[in-house]
Amino acid sequence: MSEKPFWAGKTCKEMAGLHIKVTFKNGDVATGVADKNGDIKSAYVLTLGMGDDLFVPEADIESIELVDDPEYERIDNIEDVHAGDIFVAKSGNRYDIWCVDPRRGRPVFGVSIEGEVRECIGSKSFAYALRLKLRLPDEPGLWLDKDDNTWTMRDGSVQMTCIGADDWCFTRAWFSPDSVQVLNAAPFRPAKVVEA
């Protein structure tokens, strides 16, 4: 498997919206969100391309890395990584881990590439891993769990009110936010309510 950087083969437009950290050869470091031209708007020109042109970093750039998402915790100890985490290679590329094989001394990771191709990556490519932080309902309102079931929180308790898209029931048991039932459904995210 090649260790190309995450931006290799992307167009400038495909870089848009990514939170990146750029290290220049002179030691300067800049972070920001890439715009539709692959640049950090109003700050740095990172490529001469625009829109559908291939993203090619300027010659004075040492590296470009993705900045970690605050909804994820970083795992630096390779022994603590497990299936469901995100493998971050030294190149900055990220892969979903579907299995970990610890039998060979140092773990070998079975990863999915773009959700389709399954490959194995050895520990030599490991930079760190990311794990989705366990978020529990912490304020009144509607919440969606990891399976998109709807929960209601009020008065410090949580109740599953809808399984799937149409099985609504308001007579189910209420649970403490740190109960086993709630923890097993995590992570949660606030539900967005729209008027019909």
C-alpha atoms as a PDB file:
ATOM      1  CA  MET A   1       0.000   0.000   0.000  1.00  0.00           C
ATOM      2  CA  SER A   2       1.425   3.382  -0.930  1.00  0.00           C
ATOM      3  CA  GLU A   3       1.855   6.067   1.690  1.00  0.00           C
ATOM      4  CA  LYS A   4       0.715   9.059  -0.323  1.00  0.00           C
ATOM      5  CA  PRO A   5      -0.326  12.154   1.611  1.00  0.00           C
ATOM      6  CA  PHE A   6      -4.068  12.612   2.172  1.00  0.00           C
ATOM      7  CA  TRP A   7      -4.245  15.432  -0.415  1.00  0.00           C
ATOM      8  CA  ALA A   8      -2.639  13.449  -3.274  1.00  0.00           C
ATOM      9  CA  GLY A   9      -5.046  13.112  -6.186  1.00  0.00           C
ATOM     10  CA  LYS A  10      -7.534  15.626  -4.749  1.00  0.00           C
ATOM     11  CA  THR A  11      -8.686  18.671  -6.666  1.00  0.00           C
ATOM     12  CA  CYS A  12      -8.539  22.104  -5.066  1.00  0.00           C
ATOM     13  CA  LYS A  13     -12.325  21.962  -4.691  1.00  0.00           C
ATOM     14  CA  GLU A  14     -12.082  18.639  -2.810  1.00  0.00           C
ATOM     15  CA  MET A  15      -9.823  20.321  -0.247  1.00  0.00           C
ATOM     16  CA  ALA A  16     -12.550  22.851   0.596  1.00  0.00           C
ATOM     17  CA  GLY A  17     -13.757  22.724   4.187  1.00  0.00           C
ATOM     18  CA  LEU A  18     -10.877  20.612   5.513  1.00  0.00           C
ATOM     19  CA  HIS A  19      -9.224  21.920   8.674  1.00  0.00           C
ATOM     20  CA  ILE A  20      -5.506  21.689   7.922  1.00  0.00           C
ATOM     21  CA  LYS A  21      -2.109  22.453   9.437  1.00  0.00           C
ATOM     22  CA  VAL A  22       0.569  23.622   6.995  1.00  0.00           C
ATOM     23  CA  THR A  23       4.268  23.530   7.864  1.00  0.00           C
ATOM     24  CA  PHE A  24       6.524  25.613   5.621  1.00  0.00           C
ATOM     25  CA  LYS A  25      10.182  24.810   4.926  1.00  0.00           C
ATOM     26  CA  ASN A  26      11.239  27.946   6.822  1.00  0.00           C
ATOM     27  CA  GLY A  27       9.532  26.604   9.982  1.00  0.00           C
ATOM     28  CA  ASP A  28       6.364  28.714   9.854  1.00  0.00           C
ATOM     29  CA  VAL A  29       3.161  26.865  10.732  1.00  0.00           C
ATOM     30  CA  ALA A  30      -0.360  27.897   9.729  1.00  0.00           C
ATOM     31  CA  THR A  31      -3.709  26.320  10.491  1.00  0.00           C
ATOM     32  CA  GLY A  32      -7.073  27.068   8.971  1.00  0.00           C
ATOM     33  CA  VAL A  33      -9.902  25.777   6.834  1.00  0.00           C
ATOM     34  CA  ALA A  34      -9.177  25.346   3.132  1.00  0.00           C
ATOM     35  CA  ASP A  35     -11.410  27.270   0.724  1.00  0.00           C
ATOM     36  CA  LYS A  36     -12.717  26.204  -2.717  1.00  0.00           C
ATOM     37  CA  ASN A  37      -9.262  26.826  -4.202  1.00  0.00           C
ATOM     38  CA  GLY A  38      -7.433  24.748  -1.586  1.00  0.00           C
ATOM     39  CA  ASP A  39      -5.978  27.830   0.104  1.00  0.00           C
ATOM     40  CA  ILE A  40      -6.396  29.142   3.639  1.00  0.00           C
ATOM     41  CA  LYS A  41      -8.635  32.091   2.833  1.00  0.00           C
ATOM     42  CA  SER A  42      -7.190  35.567   3.295  1.00  0.00           C
ATOM     43  CA  ALA A  43      -3.983  34.115   4.717  1.00  0.00           C
ATOM     44  CA  TYR A  44      -1.972  31.734   2.573  1.00  0.00           C
ATOM     45  CA  VAL A  45      -1.819  30.582  -1.030  1.00  0.00           C
ATOM     46  CA  LEU A  46      -1.048  26.875  -0.826  1.00  0.00           C
ATOM     47  CA  THR A  47      -1.392  25.962  -4.502  1.00  0.00           C
ATOM     48  CA  LEU A  48      -1.540  27.780  -7.835  1.00  0.00           C
ATOM     49  CA  GLY A  49      -4.505  25.638  -8.930  1.00  0.00           C
ATOM     50  CA  MET A  50      -8.172  26.580  -8.616  1.00  0.00           C
ATOM     51  CA  GLY A  51     -11.483  24.697  -8.477  1.00  0.00           C
ATOM     52  CA  ASP A  52     -11.201  21.452 -10.491  1.00  0.00           C
ATOM     53  CA  ASP A  53      -7.402  21.742 -10.911  1.00  0.00           C
ATOM     54  CA  LEU A  54      -5.315  19.123  -9.114  1.00  0.00           C
ATOM     55  CA  PHE A  55      -4.157  20.298  -5.688  1.00  0.00           C
ATOM     56  CA  VAL A  56      -0.349  20.609  -5.800  1.00  0.00           C
ATOM     57  CA  PRO A  57       1.314  22.309  -2.806  1.00  0.00           C
ATOM     58  CA  GLU A  58       3.656  25.244  -3.402  1.00  0.00           C
ATOM     59  CA  ALA A  59       7.393  24.433  -3.349  1.00  0.00           C
ATOM     60  CA  ASP A  60       7.957  26.200  -0.003  1.00  0.00           C
ATOM     61  CA  ILE A  61       5.585  23.833   1.850  1.00  0.00           C
ATOM     62  CA  GLU A  62       7.144  21.045   3.934  1.00  0.00           C
ATOM     63  CA  SER A  63       3.907  19.235   4.878  1.00  0.00           C
ATOM     64  CA  ILE A  64       0.129  19.517   5.069  1.00  0.00           C
ATOM     65  CA  GLU A  65      -1.746  17.564   7.747  1.00  0.00           C
ATOM     66  CA  LEU A  66      -5.375  17.262   8.750  1.00  0.00           C
ATOM     67  CA  VAL A  67      -6.150  18.839  12.127  1.00  0.00           C
ATOM     68  CA  ASP A  68      -7.868  16.475  14.532  1.00  0.00           C
ATOM     69  CA  ASP A  69     -11.604  16.801  14.965  1.00  0.00           C
ATOM     70  CA  PRO A  70     -12.613  17.889  18.507  1.00  0.00           C
ATOM     71  CA  GLU A  71     -15.267  15.128  18.549  1.00  0.00           C
ATOM     72  CA  TYR A  72     -12.488  12.528  18.542  1.00  0.00           C
ATOM     73  CA  GLU A  73      -9.924  11.600  21.170  1.00  0.00           C
ATOM     74  CA  ARG A  74      -6.368  10.928  20.054  1.00  0.00           C
ATOM     75  CA  ILE A  75      -4.807   7.554  20.884  1.00  0.00           C
ATOM     76  CA  ASP A  76      -1.016   7.522  20.738  1.00  0.00           C
ATOM     77  CA  ASN A  77      -0.431   4.064  22.270  1.00  0.00           C
ATOM     78  CA  ILE A  78      -0.707   1.526  19.462  1.00  0.00           C
ATOM     79  CA  GLU A  79      -1.676  -1.186  21.970  1.00  0.00           C
ATOM     80  CA  ASP A  80      -4.874   0.752  22.897  1.00  0.00           C
ATOM     81  CA  VAL A  81      -6.227   0.843  19.325  1.00  0.00           C
ATOM     82  CA  HIS A  82      -9.187  -1.384  18.437  1.00  0.00           C
ATOM     83  CA  ALA A  83     -11.762  -2.013  15.718  1.00  0.00           C
ATOM     84  CA  GLY A  84     -13.981   1.017  15.149  1.00  0.00           C
ATOM     85  CA  ASP A  85     -11.129   3.511  15.609  1.00  0.00           C
ATOM     86  CA  ILE A  86      -9.595   5.542  12.788  1.00  0.00           C
ATOM     87  CA  PHE A  87      -5.993   4.697  11.827  1.00  0.00           C
ATOM     88  CA  VAL A  88      -3.967   7.829  11.034  1.00  0.00           C
ATOM     89  CA  ALA A  89      -0.871   6.987   9.006  1.00  0.00           C
ATOM     90  CA  LYS A  90       2.381   8.940   9.108  1.00  0.00           C
ATOM     91  CA  SER A  91       1.380  10.338   5.717  1.00  0.00           C
ATOM     92  CA  GLY A  92      -1.745  11.898   7.282  1.00  0.00           C
ATOM     93  CA  ASN A  93      -4.144   9.528   5.519  1.00  0.00           C
ATOM     94  CA  ARG A  94      -6.989   8.126   7.609  1.00  0.00           C
ATOM     95  CA  TYR A  95      -8.542   4.679   7.434  1.00  0.00           C
ATOM     96  CA  ASP A  96     -11.448   3.049   9.282  1.00  0.00           C
ATOM     97  CA  ILE A  97     -10.206   0.039  11.263  1.00  0.00           C
ATOM     98  CA  TRP A  98     -12.378  -3.069  10.937  1.00  0.00           C
ATOM     99  CA  CYS A  99     -10.039  -5.477  12.761  1.00  0.00           C
ATOM    100  CA  VAL A 100      -6.797  -5.603  14.746  1.00  0.00           C
ATOM    101  CA  ASP A 101      -4.495  -8.645  14.585  1.00  0.00           C
ATOM    102  CA  PRO A 102      -2.094  -8.551  17.595  1.00  0.00           C
ATOM    103  CA  ARG A 103      -0.530 -11.991  16.969  1.00  0.00           C
ATOM    104  CA  ARG A 104       2.587 -10.794  15.167  1.00  0.00           C
ATOM    105  CA  GLY A 105       4.215  -8.922  18.045  1.00  0.00           C
ATOM    106  CA  ARG A 106       3.130  -5.464  16.921  1.00  0.00           C
ATOM    107  CA  PRO A 107      -0.473  -5.105  15.718  1.00  0.00           C
ATOM    108  CA  VAL A 108      -1.475  -5.320  12.080  1.00  0.00           C
ATOM    109  CA  PHE A 109      -4.617  -3.354  11.207  1.00  0.00           C
ATOM    110  CA  GLY A 110      -7.328  -4.368   8.787  1.00  0.00           C
ATOM    111  CA  VAL A 111      -8.625  -1.098   7.343  1.00  0.00           C
ATOM    112  CA  SER A 112     -11.263   0.043   4.887  1.00  0.00           C
ATOM    113  CA  ILE A 113     -10.255   2.447   2.152  1.00  0.00           C
ATOM    114  CA  GLU A 114     -13.114   4.690   1.080  1.00  0.00           C
ATOM    115  CA  GLY A 115     -15.509   2.180   2.675  1.00  0.00           C
ATOM    116  CA  GLU A 116     -14.944  -0.454  -0.007  1.00  0.00           C
ATOM    117  CA  VAL A 117     -11.438  -1.878  -0.352  1.00  0.00           C
ATOM    118  CA  ARG A 118     -10.032  -3.802   2.603  1.00  0.00           C
ATOM    119  CA  GLU A 119      -6.268  -3.767   3.143  1.00  0.00           C
ATOM    120  CA  CYS A 120      -3.824  -4.478   5.952  1.00  0.00           C
ATOM    121  CA  ILE A 121      -1.493  -1.826   7.348  1.00  0.00           C
ATOM    122  CA  GLY A 122       1.476  -2.617   9.555  1.00  0.00           C
ATOM    123  CA  SER A 123       2.437  -0.745  12.680  1.00  0.00           C
ATOM    124  CA  LYS A 124       5.371   0.994  10.933  1.00  0.00           C
ATOM    125  CA  SER A 125       2.867   3.346   9.256  1.00  0.00           C
ATOM    126  CA  PHE A 126       1.097   4.185  12.546  1.00  0.00           C
ATOM    127  CA  ALA A 127       1.160   7.826  13.661  1.00  0.00           C
ATOM    128  CA  TYR A 128      -1.849   7.692  16.020  1.00  0.00           C
ATOM    129  CA  ALA A 129      -5.512   6.712  16.043  1.00  0.00           C
ATOM    130  CA  LEU A 130      -8.731   8.615  16.608  1.00  0.00           C
ATOM    131  CA  ARG A 131     -11.751   7.406  18.583  1.00  0.00           C
ATOM    132  CA  LEU A 132     -15.133   9.094  18.621  1.00  0.00           C
ATOM    133  CA  LYS A 133     -15.640  10.670  22.054  1.00  0.00           C
ATOM    134  CA  LEU A 134     -18.450   9.201  24.086  1.00  0.00           C
ATOM    135  CA  ARG A 135     -21.067  11.949  24.093  1.00  0.00           C
ATOM    136  CA  LEU A 136     -24.122  11.542  26.287  1.00  0.00           C
ATOM    137  CA  PRO A 137     -27.251  13.698  26.456  1.00  0.00           C
ATOM    138  CA  ASP A 138     -26.432  16.625  28.718  1.00  0.00           C
ATOM    139  CA  GLU A 139     -29.299  19.065  28.177  1.00  0.00           C
ATOM    140  CA  PRO A 140     -33.071  18.808  27.684  1.00  0.00           C
ATOM    141  CA  GLY A 141     -34.354  18.070  24.184  1.00  0.00           C
ATOM    142  CA  LEU A 142     -34.241  15.444  21.465  1.00  0.00           C
ATOM    143  CA  TRP A 143     -31.105  13.372  20.865  1.00  0.00           C
ATOM    144  CA  LEU A 144     -30.082  10.829  18.232  1.00  0.00           C
ATOM    145  CA  ASP A 145     -27.991   7.809  19.215  1.00  0.00           C
ATOM    146  CA  LYS A 146     -25.356   5.957  17.151  1.00  0.00           C
ATOM    147  CA  ASP A 147     -28.145   4.062  15.323  1.00  0.00           C
ATOM    148  CA  ASP A 148     -30.255   7.203  14.681  1.00  0.00           C
ATOM    149  CA  ASN A 149     -32.880   6.237  17.264  1.00  0.00           C
ATOM    150  CA  THR A 150     -34.532   9.268  18.899  1.00  0.00           C
ATOM    151  CA  TRP A 151     -34.228   9.852  22.651  1.00  0.00           C
ATOM    152  CA  THR A 152     -35.778  12.557  24.838  1.00  0.00           C
ATOM    153  CA  MET A 153     -34.009  14.127  27.797  1.00  0.00           C
ATOM    154  CA  ARG A 154     -35.818  16.042  30.511  1.00  0.00           C
ATOM    155  CA  ASP A 155     -35.427  16.519  34.241  1.00  0.00           C
ATOM    156  CA  GLY A 156     -32.051  14.742  34.154  1.00  0.00           C
ATOM    157  CA  SER A 157     -33.435  11.480  32.704  1.00  0.00           C
ATOM    158  CA  VAL A 158     -33.363   9.980  29.219  1.00  0.00           C
ATOM    159  CA  GLN A 159     -36.021   7.964  27.380  1.00  0.00           C
ATOM    160  CA  MET A 160     -35.877   6.274  23.966  1.00  0.00           C
ATOM    161  CA  THR A 161     -38.919   7.647  22.169  1.00  0.00           C
ATOM    162  CA  CYS A 162     -38.483   6.316  18.630  1.00  0.00           C
ATOM    163  CA  ILE A 163     -36.785   3.220  17.244  1.00  0.00           C
ATOM    164  CA  GLY A 164     -35.970   3.658  13.574  1.00  0.00           C
ATOM    165  CA  ALA A 165     -38.072   6.140  11.653  1.00  0.00           C
ATOM    166  CA  ASP A 166     -41.631   5.427  12.730  1.00  0.00           C
ATOM    167  CA  ASP A 167     -41.894   3.341  15.922  1.00  0.00           C
ATOM    168  CA  TRP A 168     -42.800   6.191  18.311  1.00  0.00           C
ATOM    169  CA  CYS A 169     -43.600   5.333  21.937  1.00  0.00           C
ATOM    170  CA  PHE A 170     -43.630   7.699  24.906  1.00  0.00           C
ATOM    171  CA  THR A 171     -44.271   5.058  27.600  1.00  0.00           C
ATOM    172  CA  ARG A 172     -40.818   3.421  27.589  1.00  0.00           C
ATOM    173  CA  ALA A 173     -38.675   3.449  30.735  1.00  0.00           C
ATOM    174  CA  TRP A 174     -36.629   6.508  31.704  1.00  0.00           C
ATOM    175  CA  PHE A 175     -32.913   6.019  32.364  1.00  0.00           C
ATOM    176  CA  SER A 176     -30.099   7.895  34.024  1.00  0.00           C
ATOM    177  CA  PRO A 177     -27.739   9.390  31.390  1.00  0.00           C
ATOM    178  CA  ASP A 178     -24.925   7.156  32.690  1.00  0.00           C
ATOM    179  CA  SER A 179     -26.962   3.913  32.699  1.00  0.00           C
ATOM    180  CA  VAL A 180     -25.821   0.860  30.737  1.00  0.00           C
ATOM    181  CA  GLN A 181     -28.708   1.274  28.267  1.00  0.00           C
ATOM    182  CA  VAL A 182     -27.693   4.847  27.462  1.00  0.00           C
ATOM    183  CA  LEU A 183     -23.947   4.129  27.364  1.00  0.00           C
ATOM    184  CA  ASN A 184     -24.525   1.270  24.905  1.00  0.00           C
ATOM    185  CA  ALA A 185     -26.409   3.642  22.570  1.00  0.00           C
ATOM    186  CA  ALA A 186     -23.672   6.334  22.628  1.00  0.00           C
ATOM    187  CA  PRO A 187     -22.353   8.461  21.100  1.00  0.00           C
ATOM    188  CA  PHE A 188     -25.294  10.847  20.984  1.00  0.00           C
ATOM    189  CA  ARG A 189     -25.772  14.045  19.016  1.00  0.00           C
ATOM    190  CA  PRO A 190     -28.482  16.686  19.361  1.00  0.00           C
ATOM    191  CA  ALA A 191     -31.389  16.136  16.964  1.00  0.00           C
ATOM    192  CA  LYS A 192     -32.153  18.976  14.574  1.00  0.00           C
ATOM    193  CA  VAL A 193     -35.824  19.818  14.638  1.00  0.00           C
ATOM    194  CA  VAL A 194     -37.418  21.513  11.622  1.00  0.00           C
ATOM    195  CA  GLU A 195     -40.910  22.869  11.193  1.00  0.00           C
ATOM    196  CA  ALA A 196     -43.166  20.926   8.841  1.00  0.00           C
END
